[in-house]
Amino acid sequence: MTTLSRRSKGANLYSGLLVLILLAAPAVATAGENPLPASQARGHALARNVCSACHAVETKGASPNAKAPPFRDLAGRHVPLTLQRRLADIAETGHYDMAPINLHADEVQDVVAYINSLEPAAAAR
C-alpha cells in the first residue's frame, strides 16, 4: 500500500466521520431543547395550550381552577388505557363544568403520554 493510498483512506474516513457528526448535530440540539420523547412533547404542548387555563399541567404548582386536578395527580389515578378512554370521552362530551374540547384521537394519546410521564404527587413527596 502506498503512502498516497493510506492518506486517501484516512481522508475518506475523516470525511465520513465529519458527515455523521454534522448530520447528528440537529438531533442532539433538539434533544437538548426538549428531553421528552416526541409524543410526550406534543402532549405537553397541547396541555399547555388547551388545558392549563384550568389544570396545573407542569410538575409543580396548583391548578388555576381549584376543581381541576393537577395533571401529575392524574398520572397515578388511572392506567393508561382507562385514562385515554376517559380523556376521549371528556374531549367529546365535556365533564361537569368542563366544556367539550376539540382533540383528535392521536392528540388524546399524546396528552396521555405526557400525563403518564409525570410523577404522581404522592410519589414526588
PDB file of N, CA and C in Angstrom:
ATOM      1  N   MET A   1       0.854  -1.173   0.000  1.00  0.00           N
ATOM      2  CA  MET A   1       0.000   0.000   0.000  1.00  0.00           C
ATOM      3  C   MET A   1       0.901   1.237   0.000  1.00  0.00           C
ATOM      4  N   THR A   2       0.602   2.172  -0.842  1.00  0.00           N
ATOM      5  CA  THR A   2       1.421   3.372  -0.941  1.00  0.00           C
ATOM      6  C   THR A   2       0.975   4.394   0.090  1.00  0.00           C
ATOM      7  N   THR A   3       1.848   5.345   0.341  1.00  0.00           N
ATOM      8  CA  THR A   3       1.542   6.406   1.296  1.00  0.00           C
ATOM      9  C   THR A   3       0.330   7.207   0.834  1.00  0.00           C
ATOM     10  N   LEU A   4       0.256   7.428  -0.486  1.00  0.00           N
ATOM     11  CA  LEU A   4      -0.855   8.193  -1.034  1.00  0.00           C
ATOM     12  C   LEU A   4      -2.189   7.481  -0.795  1.00  0.00           C
ATOM     13  N   SER A   5      -2.216   6.153  -0.981  1.00  0.00           N
ATOM     14  CA  SER A   5      -3.482   5.441  -0.778  1.00  0.00           C
ATOM     15  C   SER A   5      -3.852   5.397   0.702  1.00  0.00           C
ATOM     16  N   ARG A   6      -2.868   5.331   1.619  1.00  0.00           N
ATOM     17  CA  ARG A   6      -3.175   5.388   3.055  1.00  0.00           C
ATOM     18  C   ARG A   6      -3.755   6.743   3.426  1.00  0.00           C
ATOM     19  N   ARG A   7      -3.168   7.800   2.872  1.00  0.00           N
ATOM     20  CA  ARG A   7      -3.684   9.147   3.153  1.00  0.00           C
ATOM     21  C   ARG A   7      -5.092   9.304   2.601  1.00  0.00           C
ATOM     22  N   SER A   8      -5.336   8.753   1.430  1.00  0.00           N
ATOM     23  CA  SER A   8      -6.653   8.847   0.810  1.00  0.00           C
ATOM     24  C   SER A   8      -7.691   8.128   1.664  1.00  0.00           C
ATOM     25  N   LYS A   9      -7.354   6.944   2.169  1.00  0.00           N
ATOM     26  CA  LYS A   9      -8.281   6.215   3.032  1.00  0.00           C
ATOM     27  C   LYS A   9      -8.518   6.973   4.334  1.00  0.00           C
ATOM     28  N   GLY A  10      -7.460   7.547   4.898  1.00  0.00           N
ATOM     29  CA  GLY A  10      -7.600   8.331   6.126  1.00  0.00           C
ATOM     30  C   GLY A  10      -8.471   9.555   5.910  1.00  0.00           C
ATOM     31  N   ALA A  11      -8.301  10.214   4.767  1.00  0.00           N
ATOM     32  CA  ALA A  11      -9.117  11.389   4.456  1.00  0.00           C
ATOM     33  C   ALA A  11     -10.576  10.987   4.270  1.00  0.00           C
ATOM     34  N   ASN A  12     -10.816   9.844   3.619  1.00  0.00           N
ATOM     35  CA  ASN A  12     -12.192   9.373   3.433  1.00  0.00           C
ATOM     36  C   ASN A  12     -12.846   9.040   4.767  1.00  0.00           C
ATOM     37  N   LEU A  13     -12.094   8.409   5.652  1.00  0.00           N
ATOM     38  CA  LEU A  13     -12.615   8.075   6.979  1.00  0.00           C
ATOM     39  C   LEU A  13     -12.949   9.349   7.748  1.00  0.00           C
ATOM     40  N   TYR A  14     -12.047  10.312   7.709  1.00  0.00           N
ATOM     41  CA  TYR A  14     -12.259  11.589   8.384  1.00  0.00           C
ATOM     42  C   TYR A  14     -13.489  12.294   7.803  1.00  0.00           C
ATOM     43  N   SER A  15     -13.618  12.315   6.491  1.00  0.00           N
ATOM     44  CA  SER A  15     -14.765  12.957   5.835  1.00  0.00           C
ATOM     45  C   SER A  15     -16.062  12.270   6.228  1.00  0.00           C
ATOM     46  N   GLY A  16     -16.047  10.943   6.280  1.00  0.00           N
ATOM     47  CA  GLY A  16     -17.239  10.192   6.667  1.00  0.00           C
ATOM     48  C   GLY A  16     -17.661  10.498   8.090  1.00  0.00           C
ATOM     49  N   LEU A  17     -16.683  10.557   9.001  1.00  0.00           N
ATOM     50  CA  LEU A  17     -16.994  10.892  10.395  1.00  0.00           C
ATOM     51  C   LEU A  17     -17.544  12.306  10.512  1.00  0.00           C
ATOM     52  N   LEU A  18     -16.974  13.227   9.758  1.00  0.00           N
ATOM     53  CA  LEU A  18     -17.427  14.606   9.784  1.00  0.00           C
ATOM     54  C   LEU A  18     -18.881  14.709   9.313  1.00  0.00           C
ATOM     55  N   VAL A  19     -19.216  13.979   8.262  1.00  0.00           N
ATOM     56  CA  VAL A  19     -20.587  13.983   7.756  1.00  0.00           C
ATOM     57  C   VAL A  19     -21.541  13.432   8.819  1.00  0.00           C
ATOM     58  N   LEU A  20     -21.169  12.326   9.482  1.00  0.00           N
ATOM     59  CA  LEU A  20     -22.020  11.753  10.523  1.00  0.00           C
ATOM     60  C   LEU A  20     -22.240  12.732  11.676  1.00  0.00           C
ATOM     61  N   ILE A  21     -21.183  13.412  12.079  1.00  0.00           N
ATOM     62  CA  ILE A  21     -21.295  14.387  13.177  1.00  0.00           C
ATOM     63  C   ILE A  21     -22.220  15.528  12.776  1.00  0.00           C
ATOM     64  N   LEU A  22     -22.067  16.025  11.552  1.00  0.00           N
ATOM     65  CA  LEU A  22     -22.909  17.128  11.104  1.00  0.00           C
ATOM     66  C   LEU A  22     -24.367  16.712  10.968  1.00  0.00           C
ATOM     67  N   LEU A  23     -24.601  15.478  10.538  1.00  0.00           N
ATOM     68  CA  LEU A  23     -25.977  15.001  10.419  1.00  0.00           C
ATOM     69  C   LEU A  23     -26.608  14.786  11.797  1.00  0.00           C
ATOM     70  N   ALA A  24     -25.827  14.376  12.769  1.00  0.00           N
ATOM     71  CA  ALA A  24     -26.356  14.107  14.109  1.00  0.00           C
ATOM     72  C   ALA A  24     -26.547  15.382  14.925  1.00  0.00           C
ATOM     73  N   ALA A  25     -25.875  16.451  14.591  1.00  0.00           N
ATOM     74  CA  ALA A  25     -25.917  17.683  15.384  1.00  0.00           C
ATOM     75  C   ALA A  25     -27.328  18.225  15.586  1.00  0.00           C
ATOM     76  N   PRO A  26     -28.183  18.322  14.538  1.00  0.00           N
ATOM     77  CA  PRO A  26     -29.539  18.838  14.790  1.00  0.00           C
ATOM     78  C   PRO A  26     -30.331  17.964  15.754  1.00  0.00           C
ATOM     79  N   ALA A  27     -30.169  16.662  15.681  1.00  0.00           N
ATOM     80  CA  ALA A  27     -30.894  15.768  16.588  1.00  0.00           C
ATOM     81  C   ALA A  27     -30.443  15.973  18.019  1.00  0.00           C
ATOM     82  N   VAL A  28     -29.155  16.157  18.224  1.00  0.00           N
ATOM     83  CA  VAL A  28     -28.630  16.389  19.566  1.00  0.00           C
ATOM     84  C   VAL A  28     -29.132  17.727  20.091  1.00  0.00           C
ATOM     85  N   ALA A  29     -29.138  18.739  19.255  1.00  0.00           N
ATOM     86  CA  ALA A  29     -29.619  20.053  19.680  1.00  0.00           C
ATOM     87  C   ALA A  29     -31.100  19.996  20.034  1.00  0.00           C
ATOM     88  N   THR A  30     -31.882  19.299  19.227  1.00  0.00           N
ATOM     89  CA  THR A  30     -33.313  19.183  19.502  1.00  0.00           C
ATOM     90  C   THR A  30     -33.547  18.433  20.798  1.00  0.00           C
ATOM     91  N   ALA A  31     -32.804  17.350  21.012  1.00  0.00           N
ATOM     92  CA  ALA A  31     -32.975  16.566  22.238  1.00  0.00           C
ATOM     93  C   ALA A  31     -32.629  17.406  23.458  1.00  0.00           C
ATOM     94  N   GLY A  32     -31.656  18.303  23.342  1.00  0.00           N
ATOM     95  CA  GLY A  32     -31.286  19.148  24.462  1.00  0.00           C
ATOM     96  C   GLY A  32     -32.344  20.181  24.781  1.00  0.00           C
ATOM     97  N   GLU A  33     -33.095  20.618  23.773  1.00  0.00           N
ATOM     98  CA  GLU A  33     -34.121  21.625  23.978  1.00  0.00           C
ATOM     99  C   GLU A  33     -35.350  21.030  24.667  1.00  0.00           C
ATOM    100  N   ASN A  34     -35.714  19.823  24.319  1.00  0.00           N
ATOM    101  CA  ASN A  34     -36.883  19.176  24.916  1.00  0.00           C
ATOM    102  C   ASN A  34     -36.545  17.717  25.160  1.00  0.00           C
ATOM    103  N   PRO A  35     -36.293  17.352  26.408  1.00  0.00           N
ATOM    104  CA  PRO A  35     -35.860  15.991  26.699  1.00  0.00           C
ATOM    105  C   PRO A  35     -36.970  14.946  26.609  1.00  0.00           C
ATOM    106  N   LEU A  36     -38.213  15.361  26.395  1.00  0.00           N
ATOM    107  CA  LEU A  36     -39.317  14.407  26.314  1.00  0.00           C
ATOM    108  C   LEU A  36     -39.341  13.726  24.948  1.00  0.00           C
ATOM    109  N   PRO A  37     -39.751  12.451  24.904  1.00  0.00           N
ATOM    110  CA  PRO A  37     -39.990  11.812  23.612  1.00  0.00           C
ATOM    111  C   PRO A  37     -41.061  12.592  22.843  1.00  0.00           C
ATOM    112  N   ALA A  38     -41.119  12.395  21.545  1.00  0.00           N
ATOM    113  CA  ALA A  38     -41.974  13.206  20.671  1.00  0.00           C
ATOM    114  C   ALA A  38     -43.437  13.227  21.107  1.00  0.00           C
ATOM    115  N   SER A  39     -44.030  12.077  21.398  1.00  0.00           N
ATOM    116  CA  SER A  39     -45.452  12.067  21.760  1.00  0.00           C
ATOM    117  C   SER A  39     -45.693  12.805  23.076  1.00  0.00           C
ATOM    118  N   GLN A  40     -44.774  12.649  24.027  1.00  0.00           N
ATOM    119  CA  GLN A  40     -44.919  13.363  25.304  1.00  0.00           C
ATOM    120  C   GLN A  40     -44.738  14.858  25.108  1.00  0.00           C
ATOM    121  N   ALA A  41     -43.820  15.246  24.250  1.00  0.00           N
ATOM    122  CA  ALA A  41     -43.595  16.672  23.984  1.00  0.00           C
ATOM    123  C   ALA A  41     -44.825  17.293  23.321  1.00  0.00           C
ATOM    124  N   ARG A  42     -45.421  16.579  22.373  1.00  0.00           N
ATOM    125  CA  ARG A  42     -46.650  17.081  21.744  1.00  0.00           C
ATOM    126  C   ARG A  42     -47.774  17.170  22.773  1.00  0.00           C
ATOM    127  N   GLY A  43     -47.884  16.161  23.639  1.00  0.00           N
ATOM    128  CA  GLY A  43     -48.902  16.172  24.682  1.00  0.00           C
ATOM    129  C   GLY A  43     -48.704  17.322  25.658  1.00  0.00           C
ATOM    130  N   HIS A  44     -47.443  17.597  25.990  1.00  0.00           N
ATOM    131  CA  HIS A  44     -47.139  18.710  26.892  1.00  0.00           C
ATOM    132  C   HIS A  44     -47.552  20.037  26.251  1.00  0.00           C
ATOM    133  N   ALA A  45     -47.234  20.196  24.966  1.00  0.00           N
ATOM    134  CA  ALA A  45     -47.606  21.424  24.257  1.00  0.00           C
ATOM    135  C   ALA A  45     -49.136  21.573  24.202  1.00  0.00           C
ATOM    136  N   LEU A  46     -49.836  20.491  23.909  1.00  0.00           N
ATOM    137  CA  LEU A  46     -51.304  20.540  23.897  1.00  0.00           C
ATOM    138  C   LEU A  46     -51.847  20.890  25.278  1.00  0.00           C
ATOM    139  N   ALA A  47     -51.300  20.264  26.301  1.00  0.00           N
ATOM    140  CA  ALA A  47     -51.763  20.522  27.667  1.00  0.00           C
ATOM    141  C   ALA A  47     -51.565  21.993  28.031  1.00  0.00           C
ATOM    142  N   ARG A  48     -50.411  22.554  27.677  1.00  0.00           N
ATOM    143  CA  ARG A  48     -50.171  23.970  27.970  1.00  0.00           C
ATOM    144  C   ARG A  48     -51.143  24.865  27.218  1.00  0.00           C
ATOM    145  N   ASN A  49     -51.435  24.518  25.960  1.00  0.00           N
ATOM    146  CA  ASN A  49     -52.289  25.378  25.131  1.00  0.00           C
ATOM    147  C   ASN A  49     -53.779  25.198  25.400  1.00  0.00           C
ATOM    148  N   VAL A  50     -54.201  23.981  25.718  1.00  0.00           N
ATOM    149  CA  VAL A  50     -55.629  23.683  25.811  1.00  0.00           C
ATOM    150  C   VAL A  50     -56.110  23.537  27.255  1.00  0.00           C
ATOM    151  N   CYS A  51     -55.276  23.008  28.120  1.00  0.00           N
ATOM    152  CA  CYS A  51     -55.744  22.587  29.448  1.00  0.00           C
ATOM    153  C   CYS A  51     -55.283  23.484  30.600  1.00  0.00           C
ATOM    154  N   SER A  52     -54.231  24.253  30.389  1.00  0.00           N
ATOM    155  CA  SER A  52     -53.594  24.960  31.509  1.00  0.00           C
ATOM    156  C   SER A  52     -54.411  26.127  32.061  1.00  0.00           C
ATOM    157  N   ALA A  53     -55.463  26.535  31.385  1.00  0.00           N
ATOM    158  CA  ALA A  53     -56.311  27.596  31.941  1.00  0.00           C
ATOM    159  C   ALA A  53     -57.004  27.108  33.218  1.00  0.00           C
ATOM    160  N   CYS A  54     -57.215  25.794  33.300  1.00  0.00           N
ATOM    161  CA  CYS A  54     -57.881  25.232  34.481  1.00  0.00           C
ATOM    162  C   CYS A  54     -56.988  24.267  35.273  1.00  0.00           C
ATOM    163  N   HIS A  55     -56.187  23.466  34.571  1.00  0.00           N
ATOM    164  CA  HIS A  55     -55.373  22.427  35.212  1.00  0.00           C
ATOM    165  C   HIS A  55     -53.912  22.856  35.351  1.00  0.00           C
ATOM    166  N   ALA A  56     -53.284  22.439  36.444  1.00  0.00           N
ATOM    167  CA  ALA A  56     -51.827  22.550  36.549  1.00  0.00           C
ATOM    168  C   ALA A  56     -51.266  21.427  35.673  1.00  0.00           C
ATOM    169  N   VAL A  57     -50.536  21.791  34.637  1.00  0.00           N
ATOM    170  CA  VAL A  57     -50.039  20.784  33.703  1.00  0.00           C
ATOM    171  C   VAL A  57     -48.544  20.512  33.875  1.00  0.00           C
ATOM    172  N   GLU A  58     -47.902  21.281  34.731  1.00  0.00           N
ATOM    173  CA  GLU A  58     -46.466  21.096  34.960  1.00  0.00           C
ATOM    174  C   GLU A  58     -46.242  20.202  36.177  1.00  0.00           C
ATOM    175  N   THR A  59     -44.997  19.960  36.496  1.00  0.00           N
ATOM    176  CA  THR A  59     -44.670  19.058  37.608  1.00  0.00           C
ATOM    177  C   THR A  59     -44.940  19.682  38.973  1.00  0.00           C
ATOM    178  N   LYS A  60     -45.096  20.993  39.037  1.00  0.00           N
ATOM    179  CA  LYS A  60     -45.357  21.688  40.299  1.00  0.00           C
ATOM    180  C   LYS A  60     -46.440  22.732  40.088  1.00  0.00           C
ATOM    181  N   GLY A  61     -47.011  23.157  41.178  1.00  0.00           N
ATOM    182  CA  GLY A  61     -47.975  24.241  41.126  1.00  0.00           C
ATOM    183  C   GLY A  61     -49.407  23.768  41.258  1.00  0.00           C
ATOM    184  N   ALA A  62     -50.263  24.706  41.663  1.00  0.00           N
ATOM    185  CA  ALA A  62     -51.682  24.416  41.844  1.00  0.00           C
ATOM    186  C   ALA A  62     -52.439  24.717  40.559  1.00  0.00           C
ATOM    187  N   SER A  63     -53.560  24.057  40.395  1.00  0.00           N
ATOM    188  CA  SER A  63     -54.422  24.314  39.239  1.00  0.00           C
ATOM    189  C   SER A  63     -55.085  25.674  39.397  1.00  0.00           C
ATOM    190  N   PRO A  64     -55.184  26.458  38.317  1.00  0.00           N
ATOM    191  CA  PRO A  64     -55.889  27.740  38.397  1.00  0.00           C
ATOM    192  C   PRO A  64     -57.340  27.583  38.841  1.00  0.00           C
ATOM    193  N   ASN A  65     -57.980  26.470  38.449  1.00  0.00           N
ATOM    194  CA  ASN A  65     -59.342  26.161  38.888  1.00  0.00           C
ATOM    195  C   ASN A  65     -59.217  25.101  39.982  1.00  0.00           C
ATOM    196  N   ALA A  66     -59.644  25.427  41.178  1.00  0.00           N
ATOM    197  CA  ALA A  66     -59.486  24.517  42.315  1.00  0.00           C
ATOM    198  C   ALA A  66     -60.185  23.173  42.097  1.00  0.00           C
ATOM    199  N   LYS A  67     -61.213  23.128  41.235  1.00  0.00           N
ATOM    200  CA  LYS A  67     -61.920  21.874  40.959  1.00  0.00           C
ATOM    201  C   LYS A  67     -61.177  20.990  39.953  1.00  0.00           C
ATOM    202  N   ALA A  68     -60.206  21.545  39.255  1.00  0.00           N
ATOM    203  CA  ALA A  68     -59.499  20.817  38.195  1.00  0.00           C
ATOM    204  C   ALA A  68     -58.228  20.184  38.772  1.00  0.00           C
ATOM    205  N   PRO A  69     -58.129  18.862  38.747  1.00  0.00           N
ATOM    206  CA  PRO A  69     -56.943  18.226  39.339  1.00  0.00           C
ATOM    207  C   PRO A  69     -55.675  18.508  38.535  1.00  0.00           C
ATOM    208  N   PRO A  70     -54.551  18.654  39.223  1.00  0.00           N
ATOM    209  CA  PRO A  70     -53.278  18.778  38.509  1.00  0.00           C
ATOM    210  C   PRO A  70     -53.017  17.510  37.684  1.00  0.00           C
ATOM    211  N   PHE A  71     -52.411  17.664  36.542  1.00  0.00           N
ATOM    212  CA  PHE A  71     -52.126  16.507  35.684  1.00  0.00           C
ATOM    213  C   PHE A  71     -51.246  15.486  36.394  1.00  0.00           C
ATOM    214  N   ARG A  72     -50.340  15.941  37.253  1.00  0.00           N
ATOM    215  CA  ARG A  72     -49.453  14.987  37.946  1.00  0.00           C
ATOM    216  C   ARG A  72     -50.246  14.060  38.868  1.00  0.00           C
ATOM    217  N   ASP A  73     -51.423  14.522  39.341  1.00  0.00           N
ATOM    218  CA  ASP A  73     -52.286  13.656  40.156  1.00  0.00           C
ATOM    219  C   ASP A  73     -52.986  12.609  39.298  1.00  0.00           C
ATOM    220  N   LEU A  74     -53.269  12.953  38.053  1.00  0.00           N
ATOM    221  CA  LEU A  74     -53.918  12.003  37.146  1.00  0.00           C
ATOM    222  C   LEU A  74     -52.983  10.866  36.759  1.00  0.00           C
ATOM    223  N   ALA A  75     -51.680  11.123  36.820  1.00  0.00           N
ATOM    224  CA  ALA A  75     -50.694  10.124  36.402  1.00  0.00           C
ATOM    225  C   ALA A  75     -50.820   8.826  37.181  1.00  0.00           C
ATOM    226  N   GLY A  76     -51.125   8.896  38.452  1.00  0.00           N
ATOM    227  CA  GLY A  76     -51.228   7.680  39.246  1.00  0.00           C
ATOM    228  C   GLY A  76     -52.658   7.218  39.476  1.00  0.00           C
ATOM    229  N   ARG A  77     -53.615   7.988  39.015  1.00  0.00           N
ATOM    230  CA  ARG A  77     -55.013   7.694  39.281  1.00  0.00           C
ATOM    231  C   ARG A  77     -55.618   6.684  38.302  1.00  0.00           C
ATOM    232  N   HIS A  78     -55.114   6.637  37.076  1.00  0.00           N
ATOM    233  CA  HIS A  78     -55.681   5.776  36.031  1.00  0.00           C
ATOM    234  C   HIS A  78     -54.582   4.983  35.332  1.00  0.00           C
ATOM    235  N   VAL A  79     -54.912   3.784  34.885  1.00  0.00           N
ATOM    236  CA  VAL A  79     -53.995   3.065  33.998  1.00  0.00           C
ATOM    237  C   VAL A  79     -54.095   3.733  32.628  1.00  0.00           C
ATOM    238  N   PRO A  80     -53.048   3.635  31.786  1.00  0.00           N
ATOM    239  CA  PRO A  80     -53.039   4.393  30.524  1.00  0.00           C
ATOM    240  C   PRO A  80     -54.279   4.216  29.644  1.00  0.00           C
ATOM    241  N   LEU A  81     -54.764   2.995  29.453  1.00  0.00           N
ATOM    242  CA  LEU A  81     -55.911   2.794  28.575  1.00  0.00           C
ATOM    243  C   LEU A  81     -57.164   3.428  29.157  1.00  0.00           C
ATOM    244  N   THR A  82     -57.363   3.311  30.459  1.00  0.00           N
ATOM    245  CA  THR A  82     -58.513   3.930  31.106  1.00  0.00           C
ATOM    246  C   THR A  82     -58.425   5.449  31.000  1.00  0.00           C
ATOM    247  N   LEU A  83     -57.232   5.998  31.213  1.00  0.00           N
ATOM    248  CA  LEU A  83     -57.043   7.446  31.106  1.00  0.00           C
ATOM    249  C   LEU A  83     -57.322   7.906  29.677  1.00  0.00           C
ATOM    250  N   GLN A  84     -56.860   7.145  28.711  1.00  0.00           N
ATOM    251  CA  GLN A  84     -57.098   7.517  27.315  1.00  0.00           C
ATOM    252  C   GLN A  84     -58.598   7.533  26.997  1.00  0.00           C
ATOM    253  N   ARG A  85     -59.310   6.513  27.434  1.00  0.00           N
ATOM    254  CA  ARG A  85     -60.762   6.473  27.220  1.00  0.00           C
ATOM    255  C   ARG A  85     -61.457   7.634  27.933  1.00  0.00           C
ATOM    256  N   ARG A  86     -61.027   7.899  29.137  1.00  0.00           N
ATOM    257  CA  ARG A  86     -61.621   8.975  29.935  1.00  0.00           C
ATOM    258  C   ARG A  86     -61.423  10.327  29.256  1.00  0.00           C
ATOM    259  N   LEU A  87     -60.204  10.589  28.800  1.00  0.00           N
ATOM    260  CA  LEU A  87     -59.933  11.864  28.132  1.00  0.00           C
ATOM    261  C   LEU A  87     -60.656  11.963  26.796  1.00  0.00           C
ATOM    262  N   ALA A  88     -60.775  10.852  26.084  1.00  0.00           N
ATOM    263  CA  ALA A  88     -61.518  10.858  24.819  1.00  0.00           C
ATOM    264  C   ALA A  88     -62.983  11.204  25.071  1.00  0.00           C
ATOM    265  N   ASP A  89     -63.564  10.623  26.125  1.00  0.00           N
ATOM    266  CA  ASP A  89     -64.955  10.935  26.488  1.00  0.00           C
ATOM    267  C   ASP A  89     -65.108  12.407  26.872  1.00  0.00           C
ATOM    268  N   ILE A  90     -64.174  12.897  27.671  1.00  0.00           N
ATOM    269  CA  ILE A  90     -64.230  14.305  28.101  1.00  0.00           C
ATOM    270  C   ILE A  90     -64.081  15.227  26.901  1.00  0.00           C
ATOM    271  N   ALA A  91     -63.185  14.882  25.984  1.00  0.00           N
ATOM    272  CA  ALA A  91     -62.991  15.709  24.790  1.00  0.00           C
ATOM    273  C   ALA A  91     -64.280  15.789  23.975  1.00  0.00           C
ATOM    274  N   GLU A  92     -65.029  14.697  23.959  1.00  0.00           N
ATOM    275  CA  GLU A  92     -66.253  14.644  23.152  1.00  0.00           C
ATOM    276  C   GLU A  92     -67.462  15.255  23.848  1.00  0.00           C
ATOM    277  N   THR A  93     -67.626  14.959  25.133  1.00  0.00           N
ATOM    278  CA  THR A  93     -68.867  15.355  25.810  1.00  0.00           C
ATOM    279  C   THR A  93     -68.689  16.374  26.931  1.00  0.00           C
ATOM    280  N   GLY A  94     -67.459  16.639  27.333  1.00  0.00           N
ATOM    281  CA  GLY A  94     -67.232  17.523  28.465  1.00  0.00           C
ATOM    282  C   GLY A  94     -67.301  16.746  29.765  1.00  0.00           C
ATOM    283  N   HIS A  95     -67.146  17.464  30.872  1.00  0.00           N
ATOM    284  CA  HIS A  95     -67.114  16.815  32.182  1.00  0.00           C
ATOM    285  C   HIS A  95     -67.459  17.866  33.233  1.00  0.00           C
ATOM    286  N   TYR A  96     -68.546  17.668  33.957  1.00  0.00           N
ATOM    287  CA  TYR A  96     -69.020  18.633  34.949  1.00  0.00           C
ATOM    288  C   TYR A  96     -69.038  20.038  34.353  1.00  0.00           C
ATOM    289  N   ASP A  97     -68.224  20.947  34.893  1.00  0.00           N
ATOM    290  CA  ASP A  97     -68.194  22.327  34.396  1.00  0.00           C
ATOM    291  C   ASP A  97     -67.315  22.481  33.152  1.00  0.00           C
ATOM    292  N   MET A  98     -66.663  21.400  32.756  1.00  0.00           N
ATOM    293  CA  MET A  98     -65.717  21.468  31.634  1.00  0.00           C
ATOM    294  C   MET A  98     -66.448  21.234  30.319  1.00  0.00           C
ATOM    295  N   ALA A  99     -66.312  22.170  29.411  1.00  0.00           N
ATOM    296  CA  ALA A  99     -66.938  22.036  28.092  1.00  0.00           C
ATOM    297  C   ALA A  99     -66.150  21.015  27.254  1.00  0.00           C
ATOM    298  N   PRO A 100     -66.786  20.423  26.249  1.00  0.00           N
ATOM    299  CA  PRO A 100     -66.039  19.537  25.350  1.00  0.00           C
ATOM    300  C   PRO A 100     -64.877  20.306  24.702  1.00  0.00           C
ATOM    301  N   ILE A 101     -63.818  19.593  24.418  1.00  0.00           N
ATOM    302  CA  ILE A 101     -62.661  20.215  23.767  1.00  0.00           C
ATOM    303  C   ILE A 101     -62.397  19.493  22.457  1.00  0.00           C
ATOM    304  N   ASN A 102     -61.858  20.188  21.518  1.00  0.00           N
ATOM    305  CA  ASN A 102     -61.645  19.633  20.191  1.00  0.00           C
ATOM    306  C   ASN A 102     -60.262  18.982  20.104  1.00  0.00           C
ATOM    307  N   LEU A 103     -60.191  17.707  20.476  1.00  0.00           N
ATOM    308  CA  LEU A 103     -58.947  16.942  20.365  1.00  0.00           C
ATOM    309  C   LEU A 103     -59.210  15.691  19.540  1.00  0.00           C
ATOM    310  N   HIS A 104     -58.317  15.399  18.620  1.00  0.00           N
ATOM    311  CA  HIS A 104     -58.395  14.174  17.836  1.00  0.00           C
ATOM    312  C   HIS A 104     -57.822  13.023  18.658  1.00  0.00           C
ATOM    313  N   ALA A 105     -58.093  11.797  18.241  1.00  0.00           N
ATOM    314  CA  ALA A 105     -57.644  10.606  18.974  1.00  0.00           C
ATOM    315  C   ALA A 105     -56.127  10.590  19.158  1.00  0.00           C
ATOM    316  N   ASP A 106     -55.367  10.984  18.132  1.00  0.00           N
ATOM    317  CA  ASP A 106     -53.907  10.979  18.270  1.00  0.00           C
ATOM    318  C   ASP A 106     -53.440  12.048  19.251  1.00  0.00           C
ATOM    319  N   GLU A 107     -54.159  13.158  19.341  1.00  0.00           N
ATOM    320  CA  GLU A 107     -53.823  14.197  20.312  1.00  0.00           C
ATOM    321  C   GLU A 107     -54.131  13.724  21.734  1.00  0.00           C
ATOM    322  N   VAL A 108     -55.223  12.993  21.890  1.00  0.00           N
ATOM    323  CA  VAL A 108     -55.552  12.421  23.203  1.00  0.00           C
ATOM    324  C   VAL A 108     -54.438  11.472  23.622  1.00  0.00           C
ATOM    325  N   GLN A 109     -53.951  10.651  22.698  1.00  0.00           N
ATOM    326  CA  GLN A 109     -52.843   9.731  23.004  1.00  0.00           C
ATOM    327  C   GLN A 109     -51.607  10.499  23.448  1.00  0.00           C
ATOM    328  N   ASP A 110     -51.322  11.614  22.784  1.00  0.00           N
ATOM    329  CA  ASP A 110     -50.158  12.419  23.150  1.00  0.00           C
ATOM    330  C   ASP A 110     -50.312  13.023  24.548  1.00  0.00           C
ATOM    331  N   VAL A 111     -51.506  13.514  24.872  1.00  0.00           N
ATOM    332  CA  VAL A 111     -51.738  14.075  26.204  1.00  0.00           C
ATOM    333  C   VAL A 111     -51.611  12.977  27.263  1.00  0.00           C
ATOM    334  N   VAL A 112     -52.128  11.791  26.968  1.00  0.00           N
ATOM    335  CA  VAL A 112     -51.995  10.665  27.900  1.00  0.00           C
ATOM    336  C   VAL A 112     -50.523  10.314  28.085  1.00  0.00           C
ATOM    337  N   ALA A 113     -49.753  10.306  27.002  1.00  0.00           N
ATOM    338  CA  ALA A 113     -48.317  10.011  27.105  1.00  0.00           C
ATOM    339  C   ALA A 113     -47.629  11.042  28.000  1.00  0.00           C
ATOM    340  N   TYR A 114     -48.011  12.314  27.866  1.00  0.00           N
ATOM    341  CA  TYR A 114     -47.426  13.343  28.716  1.00  0.00           C
ATOM    342  C   TYR A 114     -47.842  13.155  30.178  1.00  0.00           C
ATOM    343  N   ILE A 115     -49.126  12.950  30.413  1.00  0.00           N
ATOM    344  CA  ILE A 115     -49.602  12.769  31.793  1.00  0.00           C
ATOM    345  C   ILE A 115     -48.888  11.590  32.449  1.00  0.00           C
ATOM    346  N   ASN A 116     -48.740  10.502  31.711  1.00  0.00           N
ATOM    347  CA  ASN A 116     -48.086   9.318  32.268  1.00  0.00           C
ATOM    348  C   ASN A 116     -46.587   9.511  32.482  1.00  0.00           C
ATOM    349  N   SER A 117     -46.020  10.552  31.876  1.00  0.00           N
ATOM    350  CA  SER A 117     -44.597  10.838  32.113  1.00  0.00           C
ATOM    351  C   SER A 117     -44.391  11.594  33.421  1.00  0.00           C
ATOM    352  N   LEU A 118     -45.473  12.132  33.977  1.00  0.00           N
ATOM    353  CA  LEU A 118     -45.395  12.902  35.222  1.00  0.00           C
ATOM    354  C   LEU A 118     -45.376  11.954  36.407  1.00  0.00           C
ATOM    355  N   GLU A 119     -44.700  12.382  37.438  1.00  0.00           N
ATOM    356  CA  GLU A 119     -44.695  11.616  38.684  1.00  0.00           C
ATOM    357  C   GLU A 119     -45.959  11.917  39.457  1.00  0.00           C
ATOM    358  N   PRO A 120     -46.660  10.906  39.930  1.00  0.00           N
ATOM    359  CA  PRO A 120     -47.820  11.199  40.777  1.00  0.00           C
ATOM    360  C   PRO A 120     -47.399  12.035  41.985  1.00  0.00           C
ATOM    361  N   ALA A 121     -48.259  12.927  42.424  1.00  0.00           N
ATOM    362  CA  ALA A 121     -47.927  13.843  43.516  1.00  0.00           C
ATOM    363  C   ALA A 121     -47.489  13.095  44.775  1.00  0.00           C
ATOM    364  N   ALA A 122     -48.146  11.990  45.114  1.00  0.00           N
ATOM    365  CA  ALA A 122     -47.785  11.251  46.329  1.00  0.00           C
ATOM    366  C   ALA A 122     -46.376  10.687  46.232  1.00  0.00           C
ATOM    367  N   ALA A 123     -45.962  10.258  45.059  1.00  0.00           N
ATOM    368  CA  ALA A 123     -44.629   9.701  44.881  1.00  0.00           C
ATOM    369  C   ALA A 123     -43.559  10.774  44.873  1.00  0.00           C
ATOM    370  N   ALA A 124     -43.942  12.005  44.506  1.00  0.00           N
ATOM    371  CA  ALA A 124     -42.978  13.104  44.432  1.00  0.00           C
ATOM    372  C   ALA A 124     -42.595  13.614  45.815  1.00  0.00           C
ATOM    373  N   ARG A 125     -43.359  13.329  46.817  1.00  0.00           N
ATOM    374  CA  ARG A 125     -43.082  13.852  48.182  1.00  0.00           C
ATOM    375  C   ARG A 125     -41.967  13.155  48.839  1.00  0.00           C
TER     376      ARG A 125
END
